[in-house]
Amino acid sequence: MLDNEFLRSLSARAAALFPAAEAARHKIEQEMYALLQGTLGKLNVVTREEFAAQQRVLEKATLQISLLEQKLTELEQRKH
């Protein structure tokens, strides 16, 4: 899912943009973190690792399909 450290960093940066007292800044940072986490969680975002793993699975499946298509072509040619 999402990297919590990234969300904390992004929340802290966004909160730093507001010239407020330290206590208010901390509250804003927490609220921004919660807002970002909730919003990004709804986007079906995946990590690079998850994407790379799915890409490898897709490449393997594509190769298997290609090999099966070749075998099918060979079998069809033998039939004729």
PDB file of N, CA and C in Angstrom:
ATOM      1  N   MET A   1       0.843  -1.178   0.000  1.00  0.00           N
ATOM      2  CA  MET A   1       0.000   0.000   0.000  1.00  0.00           C
ATOM      3  C   MET A   1       0.886   1.239   0.000  1.00  0.00           C
ATOM      4  N   LEU A   2       0.509   2.243   0.713  1.00  0.00           N
ATOM      5  CA  LEU A   2       1.229   3.509   0.700  1.00  0.00           C
ATOM      6  C   LEU A   2       2.314   3.538   1.766  1.00  0.00           C
ATOM      7  N   ASP A   3       3.374   4.246   1.484  1.00  0.00           N
ATOM      8  CA  ASP A   3       4.491   4.394   2.408  1.00  0.00           C
ATOM      9  C   ASP A   3       4.137   5.456   3.446  1.00  0.00           C
ATOM     10  N   ASN A   4       4.021   5.036   4.712  1.00  0.00           N
ATOM     11  CA  ASN A   4       3.633   5.974   5.768  1.00  0.00           C
ATOM     12  C   ASN A   4       4.663   7.081   5.957  1.00  0.00           C
ATOM     13  N   GLU A   5       5.928   6.777   5.774  1.00  0.00           N
ATOM     14  CA  GLU A   5       6.965   7.806   5.930  1.00  0.00           C
ATOM     15  C   GLU A   5       6.789   8.897   4.873  1.00  0.00           C
ATOM     16  N   PHE A   6       6.433   8.494   3.654  1.00  0.00           N
ATOM     17  CA  PHE A   6       6.173   9.465   2.592  1.00  0.00           C
ATOM     18  C   PHE A   6       5.003  10.365   2.975  1.00  0.00           C
ATOM     19  N   LEU A   7       3.927   9.768   3.506  1.00  0.00           N
ATOM     20  CA  LEU A   7       2.765  10.566   3.894  1.00  0.00           C
ATOM     21  C   LEU A   7       3.096  11.516   5.034  1.00  0.00           C
ATOM     22  N   ARG A   8       3.872  11.047   6.002  1.00  0.00           N
ATOM     23  CA  ARG A   8       4.273  11.925   7.116  1.00  0.00           C
ATOM     24  C   ARG A   8       5.107  13.095   6.606  1.00  0.00           C
ATOM     25  N   SER A   9       6.042  12.795   5.714  1.00  0.00           N
ATOM     26  CA  SER A   9       6.898  13.846   5.159  1.00  0.00           C
ATOM     27  C   SER A   9       6.069  14.867   4.381  1.00  0.00           C
ATOM     28  N   LEU A  10       5.165  14.365   3.567  1.00  0.00           N
ATOM     29  CA  LEU A  10       4.321  15.256   2.776  1.00  0.00           C
ATOM     30  C   LEU A  10       3.422  16.099   3.686  1.00  0.00           C
ATOM     31  N   SER A  11       2.878  15.472   4.725  1.00  0.00           N
ATOM     32  CA  SER A  11       2.037  16.214   5.676  1.00  0.00           C
ATOM     33  C   SER A  11       2.837  17.290   6.393  1.00  0.00           C
ATOM     34  N   ALA A  12       4.062  16.952   6.795  1.00  0.00           N
ATOM     35  CA  ALA A  12       4.904  17.916   7.497  1.00  0.00           C
ATOM     36  C   ALA A  12       5.240  19.104   6.597  1.00  0.00           C
ATOM     37  N   ARG A  13       5.547  18.823   5.343  1.00  0.00           N
ATOM     38  CA  ARG A  13       5.864  19.907   4.405  1.00  0.00           C
ATOM     39  C   ARG A  13       4.659  20.809   4.182  1.00  0.00           C
ATOM     40  N   ALA A  14       3.493  20.195   4.013  1.00  0.00           N
ATOM     41  CA  ALA A  14       2.280  20.985   3.795  1.00  0.00           C
ATOM     42  C   ALA A  14       1.960  21.820   5.026  1.00  0.00           C
ATOM     43  N   ALA A  15       2.115  21.222   6.217  1.00  0.00           N
ATOM     44  CA  ALA A  15       1.831  21.943   7.460  1.00  0.00           C
ATOM     45  C   ALA A  15       2.815  23.090   7.663  1.00  0.00           C
ATOM     46  N   ALA A  16       4.059  22.932   7.210  1.00  0.00           N
ATOM     47  CA  ALA A  16       5.074  23.975   7.364  1.00  0.00           C
ATOM     48  C   ALA A  16       4.733  25.226   6.546  1.00  0.00           C
ATOM     49  N   LEU A  17       3.873  25.071   5.556  1.00  0.00           N
ATOM     50  CA  LEU A  17       3.480  26.213   4.734  1.00  0.00           C
ATOM     51  C   LEU A  17       2.580  27.187   5.485  1.00  0.00           C
ATOM     52  N   PHE A  18       1.967  26.717   6.565  1.00  0.00           N
ATOM     53  CA  PHE A  18       1.049  27.551   7.329  1.00  0.00           C
ATOM     54  C   PHE A  18       1.791  28.234   8.472  1.00  0.00           C
ATOM     55  N   PRO A  19       1.783  29.562   8.507  1.00  0.00           N
ATOM     56  CA  PRO A  19       2.452  30.281   9.602  1.00  0.00           C
ATOM     57  C   PRO A  19       1.572  30.274  10.854  1.00  0.00           C
ATOM     58  N   ALA A  20       1.646  29.194  11.611  1.00  0.00           N
ATOM     59  CA  ALA A  20       0.810  29.058  12.812  1.00  0.00           C
ATOM     60  C   ALA A  20       1.684  28.695  13.995  1.00  0.00           C
ATOM     61  N   ALA A  21       1.097  28.739  15.158  1.00  0.00           N
ATOM     62  CA  ALA A  21       1.807  28.349  16.374  1.00  0.00           C
ATOM     63  C   ALA A  21       2.143  26.864  16.294  1.00  0.00           C
ATOM     64  N   GLU A  22       3.139  26.428  17.060  1.00  0.00           N
ATOM     65  CA  GLU A  22       3.614  25.048  16.992  1.00  0.00           C
ATOM     66  C   GLU A  22       2.502  24.043  17.296  1.00  0.00           C
ATOM     67  N   ALA A  23       1.663  24.312  18.281  1.00  0.00           N
ATOM     68  CA  ALA A  23       0.575  23.394  18.621  1.00  0.00           C
ATOM     69  C   ALA A  23      -0.418  23.285  17.465  1.00  0.00           C
ATOM     70  N   ALA A  24      -0.759  24.421  16.896  1.00  0.00           N
ATOM     71  CA  ALA A  24      -1.681  24.417  15.766  1.00  0.00           C
ATOM     72  C   ALA A  24      -1.034  23.735  14.567  1.00  0.00           C
ATOM     73  N   ARG A  25       0.251  23.952  14.392  1.00  0.00           N
ATOM     74  CA  ARG A  25       0.966  23.320  13.284  1.00  0.00           C
ATOM     75  C   ARG A  25       0.933  21.798  13.422  1.00  0.00           C
ATOM     76  N   HIS A  26       1.128  21.312  14.638  1.00  0.00           N
ATOM     77  CA  HIS A  26       1.093  19.875  14.872  1.00  0.00           C
ATOM     78  C   HIS A  26      -0.289  19.313  14.533  1.00  0.00           C
ATOM     79  N   LYS A  27      -1.335  20.023  14.935  1.00  0.00           N
ATOM     80  CA  LYS A  27      -2.702  19.575  14.647  1.00  0.00           C
ATOM     81  C   LYS A  27      -2.959  19.585  13.140  1.00  0.00           C
ATOM     82  N   ILE A  28      -2.523  20.629  12.467  1.00  0.00           N
ATOM     83  CA  ILE A  28      -2.689  20.707  11.014  1.00  0.00           C
ATOM     84  C   ILE A  28      -1.949  19.554  10.345  1.00  0.00           C
ATOM     85  N   GLU A  29      -0.742  19.270  10.822  1.00  0.00           N
ATOM     86  CA  GLU A  29       0.050  18.177  10.265  1.00  0.00           C
ATOM     87  C   GLU A  29      -0.690  16.843  10.410  1.00  0.00           C
ATOM     88  N   GLN A  30      -1.265  16.601  11.570  1.00  0.00           N
ATOM     89  CA  GLN A  30      -2.023  15.367  11.793  1.00  0.00           C
ATOM     90  C   GLN A  30      -3.244  15.295  10.878  1.00  0.00           C
ATOM     91  N   GLU A  31      -3.940  16.415  10.750  1.00  0.00           N
ATOM     92  CA  GLU A  31      -5.132  16.437   9.903  1.00  0.00           C
ATOM     93  C   GLU A  31      -4.776  16.256   8.430  1.00  0.00           C
ATOM     94  N   MET A  32      -3.679  16.879   8.004  1.00  0.00           N
ATOM     95  CA  MET A  32      -3.231  16.706   6.618  1.00  0.00           C
ATOM     96  C   MET A  32      -2.841  15.250   6.358  1.00  0.00           C
ATOM     97  N   TYR A  33      -2.170  14.629   7.309  1.00  0.00           N
ATOM     98  CA  TYR A  33      -1.771  13.234   7.183  1.00  0.00           C
ATOM     99  C   TYR A  33      -3.010  12.354   7.028  1.00  0.00           C
ATOM    100  N   ALA A  34      -3.993  12.552   7.886  1.00  0.00           N
ATOM    101  CA  ALA A  34      -5.219  11.759   7.820  1.00  0.00           C
ATOM    102  C   ALA A  34      -5.942  11.984   6.498  1.00  0.00           C
ATOM    103  N   LEU A  35      -5.996  13.227   6.067  1.00  0.00           N
ATOM    104  CA  LEU A  35      -6.655  13.546   4.807  1.00  0.00           C
ATOM    105  C   LEU A  35      -5.936  12.889   3.628  1.00  0.00           C
ATOM    106  N   LEU A  36      -4.616  13.011   3.592  1.00  0.00           N
ATOM    107  CA  LEU A  36      -3.846  12.404   2.509  1.00  0.00           C
ATOM    108  C   LEU A  36      -3.970  10.887   2.511  1.00  0.00           C
ATOM    109  N   GLN A  37      -3.876  10.290   3.683  1.00  0.00           N
ATOM    110  CA  GLN A  37      -3.969   8.842   3.780  1.00  0.00           C
ATOM    111  C   GLN A  37      -5.341   8.354   3.300  1.00  0.00           C
ATOM    112  N   GLY A  38      -6.388   9.022   3.711  1.00  0.00           N
ATOM    113  CA  GLY A  38      -7.728   8.634   3.290  1.00  0.00           C
ATOM    114  C   GLY A  38      -7.947   8.818   1.798  1.00  0.00           C
ATOM    115  N   THR A  39      -7.498   9.949   1.280  1.00  0.00           N
ATOM    116  CA  THR A  39      -7.697  10.247  -0.139  1.00  0.00           C
ATOM    117  C   THR A  39      -6.865   9.322  -1.019  1.00  0.00           C
ATOM    118  N   LEU A  40      -5.584   9.182  -0.704  1.00  0.00           N
ATOM    119  CA  LEU A  40      -4.722   8.333  -1.523  1.00  0.00           C
ATOM    120  C   LEU A  40      -5.097   6.860  -1.400  1.00  0.00           C
ATOM    121  N   GLY A  41      -5.647   6.472  -0.268  1.00  0.00           N
ATOM    122  CA  GLY A  41      -6.081   5.092  -0.083  1.00  0.00           C
ATOM    123  C   GLY A  41      -7.217   4.705  -1.016  1.00  0.00           C
ATOM    124  N   LYS A  42      -8.003   5.671  -1.431  1.00  0.00           N
ATOM    125  CA  LYS A  42      -9.130   5.421  -2.329  1.00  0.00           C
ATOM    126  C   LYS A  42      -8.700   5.330  -3.798  1.00  0.00           C
ATOM    127  N   LEU A  43      -7.467   5.679  -4.099  1.00  0.00           N
ATOM    128  CA  LEU A  43      -7.026   5.761  -5.487  1.00  0.00           C
ATOM    129  C   LEU A  43      -6.491   4.450  -6.058  1.00  0.00           C
ATOM    130  N   ASN A  44      -6.478   3.369  -5.279  1.00  0.00           N
ATOM    131  CA  ASN A  44      -5.910   2.101  -5.725  1.00  0.00           C
ATOM    132  C   ASN A  44      -4.458   2.263  -6.158  1.00  0.00           C
ATOM    133  N   VAL A  45      -3.711   3.033  -5.411  1.00  0.00           N
ATOM    134  CA  VAL A  45      -2.298   3.251  -5.687  1.00  0.00           C
ATOM    135  C   VAL A  45      -1.509   2.046  -5.187  1.00  0.00           C
ATOM    136  N   VAL A  46      -0.532   1.606  -5.973  1.00  0.00           N
ATOM    137  CA  VAL A  46       0.309   0.491  -5.557  1.00  0.00           C
ATOM    138  C   VAL A  46       1.755   0.961  -5.461  1.00  0.00           C
ATOM    139  N   THR A  47       2.542   0.231  -4.695  1.00  0.00           N
ATOM    140  CA  THR A  47       3.956   0.575  -4.577  1.00  0.00           C
ATOM    141  C   THR A  47       4.695   0.140  -5.833  1.00  0.00           C
ATOM    142  N   ARG A  48       5.897   0.651  -5.993  1.00  0.00           N
ATOM    143  CA  ARG A  48       6.736   0.248  -7.133  1.00  0.00           C
ATOM    144  C   ARG A  48       7.009  -1.252  -7.097  1.00  0.00           C
ATOM    145  N   GLU A  49       7.204  -1.779  -5.887  1.00  0.00           N
ATOM    146  CA  GLU A  49       7.491  -3.205  -5.744  1.00  0.00           C
ATOM    147  C   GLU A  49       6.301  -4.045  -6.209  1.00  0.00           C
ATOM    148  N   GLU A  50       5.096  -3.635  -5.811  1.00  0.00           N
ATOM    149  CA  GLU A  50       3.896  -4.355  -6.237  1.00  0.00           C
ATOM    150  C   GLU A  50       3.721  -4.267  -7.751  1.00  0.00           C
ATOM    151  N   PHE A  51       3.983  -3.093  -8.297  1.00  0.00           N
ATOM    152  CA  PHE A  51       3.868  -2.906  -9.742  1.00  0.00           C
ATOM    153  C   PHE A  51       4.875  -3.783 -10.474  1.00  0.00           C
ATOM    154  N   ALA A  52       6.121  -3.800  -9.993  1.00  0.00           N
ATOM    155  CA  ALA A  52       7.166  -4.597 -10.629  1.00  0.00           C
ATOM    156  C   ALA A  52       6.827  -6.087 -10.565  1.00  0.00           C
ATOM    157  N   ALA A  53       6.289  -6.535  -9.435  1.00  0.00           N
ATOM    158  CA  ALA A  53       5.914  -7.939  -9.300  1.00  0.00           C
ATOM    159  C   ALA A  53       4.805  -8.295 -10.291  1.00  0.00           C
ATOM    160  N   GLN A  54       3.815  -7.442 -10.414  1.00  0.00           N
ATOM    161  CA  GLN A  54       2.726  -7.697 -11.362  1.00  0.00           C
ATOM    162  C   GLN A  54       3.219  -7.641 -12.801  1.00  0.00           C
ATOM    163  N   GLN A  55       4.184  -6.785 -13.059  1.00  0.00           N
ATOM    164  CA  GLN A  55       4.747  -6.695 -14.398  1.00  0.00           C
ATOM    165  C   GLN A  55       5.481  -7.995 -14.753  1.00  0.00           C
ATOM    166  N   ARG A  56       6.219  -8.562 -13.782  1.00  0.00           N
ATOM    167  CA  ARG A  56       6.903  -9.838 -14.022  1.00  0.00           C
ATOM    168  C   ARG A  56       5.906 -10.959 -14.292  1.00  0.00           C
ATOM    169  N   VAL A  57       4.814 -10.984 -13.537  1.00  0.00           N
ATOM    170  CA  VAL A  57       3.779 -11.998 -13.744  1.00  0.00           C
ATOM    171  C   VAL A  57       3.179 -11.853 -15.140  1.00  0.00           C
ATOM    172  N   LEU A  58       2.916 -10.631 -15.551  1.00  0.00           N
ATOM    173  CA  LEU A  58       2.351 -10.384 -16.872  1.00  0.00           C
ATOM    174  C   LEU A  58       3.316 -10.808 -17.974  1.00  0.00           C
ATOM    175  N   GLU A  59       4.600 -10.502 -17.808  1.00  0.00           N
ATOM    176  CA  GLU A  59       5.599 -10.902 -18.799  1.00  0.00           C
ATOM    177  C   GLU A  59       5.674 -12.421 -18.918  1.00  0.00           C
ATOM    178  N   LYS A  60       5.625 -13.115 -17.793  1.00  0.00           N
ATOM    179  CA  LYS A  60       5.661 -14.575 -17.791  1.00  0.00           C
ATOM    180  C   LYS A  60       4.427 -15.139 -18.490  1.00  0.00           C
ATOM    181  N   ALA A  61       3.258 -14.574 -18.180  1.00  0.00           N
ATOM    182  CA  ALA A  61       2.023 -15.034 -18.813  1.00  0.00           C
ATOM    183  C   ALA A  61       2.058 -14.779 -20.317  1.00  0.00           C
ATOM    184  N   THR A  62       2.582 -13.635 -20.734  1.00  0.00           N
ATOM    185  CA  THR A  62       2.683 -13.310 -22.152  1.00  0.00           C
ATOM    186  C   THR A  62       3.584 -14.306 -22.866  1.00  0.00           C
ATOM    187  N   LEU A  63       4.693 -14.661 -22.241  1.00  0.00           N
ATOM    188  CA  LEU A  63       5.608 -15.646 -22.815  1.00  0.00           C
ATOM    189  C   LEU A  63       4.924 -17.003 -22.940  1.00  0.00           C
ATOM    190  N   GLN A  64       4.211 -17.417 -21.907  1.00  0.00           N
ATOM    191  CA  GLN A  64       3.506 -18.701 -21.945  1.00  0.00           C
ATOM    192  C   GLN A  64       2.449 -18.717 -23.042  1.00  0.00           C
ATOM    193  N   ILE A  65       1.739 -17.628 -23.198  1.00  0.00           N
ATOM    194  CA  ILE A  65       0.724 -17.539 -24.259  1.00  0.00           C
ATOM    195  C   ILE A  65       1.384 -17.654 -25.624  1.00  0.00           C
ATOM    196  N   SER A  66       2.505 -16.980 -25.791  1.00  0.00           N
ATOM    197  CA  SER A  66       3.225 -17.034 -27.055  1.00  0.00           C
ATOM    198  C   SER A  66       3.671 -18.453 -27.375  1.00  0.00           C
ATOM    199  N   LEU A  67       4.208 -19.157 -26.374  1.00  0.00           N
ATOM    200  CA  LEU A  67       4.640 -20.537 -26.584  1.00  0.00           C
ATOM    201  C   LEU A  67       3.455 -21.447 -26.915  1.00  0.00           C
ATOM    202  N   LEU A  68       2.349 -21.258 -26.243  1.00  0.00           N
ATOM    203  CA  LEU A  68       1.156 -22.064 -26.527  1.00  0.00           C
ATOM    204  C   LEU A  68       0.613 -21.777 -27.930  1.00  0.00           C
ATOM    205  N   GLU A  69       0.684 -20.531 -28.356  1.00  0.00           N
ATOM    206  CA  GLU A  69       0.241 -20.195 -29.710  1.00  0.00           C
ATOM    207  C   GLU A  69       1.119 -20.885 -30.745  1.00  0.00           C
ATOM    208  N   GLN A  70       2.436 -20.929 -30.474  1.00  0.00           N
ATOM    209  CA  GLN A  70       3.343 -21.622 -31.393  1.00  0.00           C
ATOM    210  C   GLN A  70       3.029 -23.114 -31.462  1.00  0.00           C
ATOM    211  N   LYS A  71       2.789 -23.734 -30.313  1.00  0.00           N
ATOM    212  CA  LYS A  71       2.454 -25.153 -30.282  1.00  0.00           C
ATOM    213  C   LYS A  71       1.147 -25.417 -31.019  1.00  0.00           C
ATOM    214  N   LEU A  72       0.165 -24.546 -30.833  1.00  0.00           N
ATOM    215  CA  LEU A  72      -1.116 -24.691 -31.511  1.00  0.00           C
ATOM    216  C   LEU A  72      -0.935 -24.602 -33.021  1.00  0.00           C
ATOM    217  N   THR A  73      -0.130 -23.658 -33.462  1.00  0.00           N
ATOM    218  CA  THR A  73       0.143 -23.514 -34.893  1.00  0.00           C
ATOM    219  C   THR A  73       0.805 -24.777 -35.434  1.00  0.00           C
ATOM    220  N   GLU A  74       1.780 -25.328 -34.690  1.00  0.00           N
ATOM    221  CA  GLU A  74       2.454 -26.562 -35.120  1.00  0.00           C
ATOM    222  C   GLU A  74       1.461 -27.718 -35.219  1.00  0.00           C
ATOM    223  N   LEU A  75       0.587 -27.845 -34.225  1.00  0.00           N
ATOM    224  CA  LEU A  75      -0.407 -28.918 -34.231  1.00  0.00           C
ATOM    225  C   LEU A  75      -1.397 -28.765 -35.398  1.00  0.00           C
ATOM    226  N   GLU A  76      -1.790 -27.532 -35.670  1.00  0.00           N
ATOM    227  CA  GLU A  76      -2.713 -27.300 -36.795  1.00  0.00           C
ATOM    228  C   GLU A  76      -2.042 -27.643 -38.122  1.00  0.00           C
ATOM    229  N   GLN A  77      -0.737 -27.352 -38.234  1.00  0.00           N
ATOM    230  CA  GLN A  77      -0.037 -27.665 -39.487  1.00  0.00           C
ATOM    231  C   GLN A  77       0.129 -29.172 -39.651  1.00  0.00           C
ATOM    232  N   ARG A  78       0.327 -29.908 -38.587  1.00  0.00           N
ATOM    233  CA  ARG A  78       0.444 -31.368 -38.663  1.00  0.00           C
ATOM    234  C   ARG A  78      -0.882 -31.995 -39.088  1.00  0.00           C
ATOM    235  N   LYS A  79      -1.972 -31.385 -38.658  1.00  0.00           N
ATOM    236  CA  LYS A  79      -3.295 -31.913 -38.974  1.00  0.00           C
ATOM    237  C   LYS A  79      -3.557 -31.875 -40.468  1.00  0.00           C
ATOM    238  N   HIS A  80      -3.060 -30.873 -41.147  1.00  0.00           N
ATOM    239  CA  HIS A  80      -3.304 -30.703 -42.583  1.00  0.00           C
ATOM    240  C   HIS A  80      -2.335 -31.508 -43.315  1.00  0.00           C
TER     241      HIS A  80
END
